Amino acid sequence: NPINIESLSTWIVNHSSPILQSLMFGVEGRSTQDSRWLHERMQVKQFGFGQSNPTYLLIITNLPHRNDALKVVLRRKPNKIAHPSSHALHREFRVLESLLRYNKQLKQQQQQQQAFDKSVPIPTPYAYCKDETILGAEFYLMEFVQGRIFVDPRMTSIGSKEERTEAFKDALRVMANIHNVPWWLIGLEKHGGRASGKDKTNPTYIERQLQRLLQITSNQSELMRGSDKHDVKKVEKSIRQIAQVLSQHASQCPNPFGLLHGDFKIDNLIFHPTEPRVIAVLDWELSTMGDGYCGWGVAGLGDMKLEGTGILTRPEVVSSYCQYHDKARQGNEHLTTRTNVSRAADYNEAMAWAGFYLSFLFFKNCVIVQGVAQRASIGVASSAAASKVAGLLPEMVRLTKHILKEFP
């Protein structure tokens, strides 16, 4: 997925975004240089992660107003997609802009430093381009955040068990903050479906997701190349069987309503270089409005053999989440009276349904990994690790079936 640096440089030079112009060309906020000037100073490196959308680091050196190199992240759609609603970078950019405004509002409102931090740490979004002629697909630019990304969700590279516990808890705090964002006040009224459920004509978030994901898995199977068709159909059949089991309970799930990240997990978080706290949440392309309990990707770790590691058990995850949720909700109770919107998290209810939500999470990840495999099969993988990730699909399906069977 090479980047046309000349075309990108021309777009940046001509773009009207004040923050982008200021970063590239100084406090004047406008370019007096041509694209060749920027082209000569720009290097592009593709990140190894980013299985869905190709992600790149732009390194711009020898800028007269900076002593160090400027680093900017570029996220781009793949050239070929299996479903029109996939890889929704315009939604990702919009939610980042809205959260940036929200964080600024919170900073102005919070007078006491001891107050519970309700902000959602994100990279600053710079500029979005929907013109596919520039790089062959839509893309956007955002801040490069220096920190730690843990590919292993157990965060084994953190030496201290106590620090690992604190880092894990801070991830839960941030997730609870996301679910309590007053979306209707920051421009996200049309970001996704509305609160619903308990009615065949008004399906729950999980029901809607099952329908959409089944369509995506069908499309991905049709686009697979160079694979044994029998194996492809076998995987699709297994995914459909999992969806059928989940659908039997989806209409009765708690369905609390709020802003969702859509793929909240440890390797989508950037932690402070030395402290056990989250400084940025990445990869918002699946963000929508829906059931907050779907965010418990980290809760699945509680079912692994992690005694003595500092990683919380599933009951501890749910308990911590409920506590952080209530803290994040304080002061917002009066903002809405809608059913299920901004309602308090209930520990007993959450524990009773934890196995169901964990199963749904793994089902969703099966569809995501199938998409990685599909793109690798047609030569448009978004990262060098795509083939390795794609090879996990059979095990992902097996594990999802195990969770459905074994955990309440």
Foldseek 3Di string as FASTA:
>chain_A
DDFDLLLVLQCLLPDQFQVSQCLQANPVSHDPDHSVVQSVQWDKDWDQDDFAWTKIWIWGDDHPVDPHIAIKMKTWGFLDALDPLPPQVVLVLVVLVLLVVVQVVVVVVDPDPPADDLHQFAWAWGDWDQPCVRGNTTMTMTHDDDFDFDPPLLPVVPPDLQQSLLLQLQLLLNLLSQFQPPCVVRPCPPQADDQFAPDPVTFAPLVVVLVVLLSSLVSLLVLFAPDDNVVSVVLSVLLVVLSVLLVVCRRPAPKQKGKHQQQRGRRQFGAHHPHSHTNHGHDSSRIGIIRSLLNVLLQVVLPDPCPPRNRDHNLVSLVSSLVSNVSSLPPVPPVDDDPSRSDRDDSVSSQVCVLSSNLSNLSSVLSVLSRLNSCVRVVRGSRPCSVVSNVCNVVSSVVSVVSSPPPD
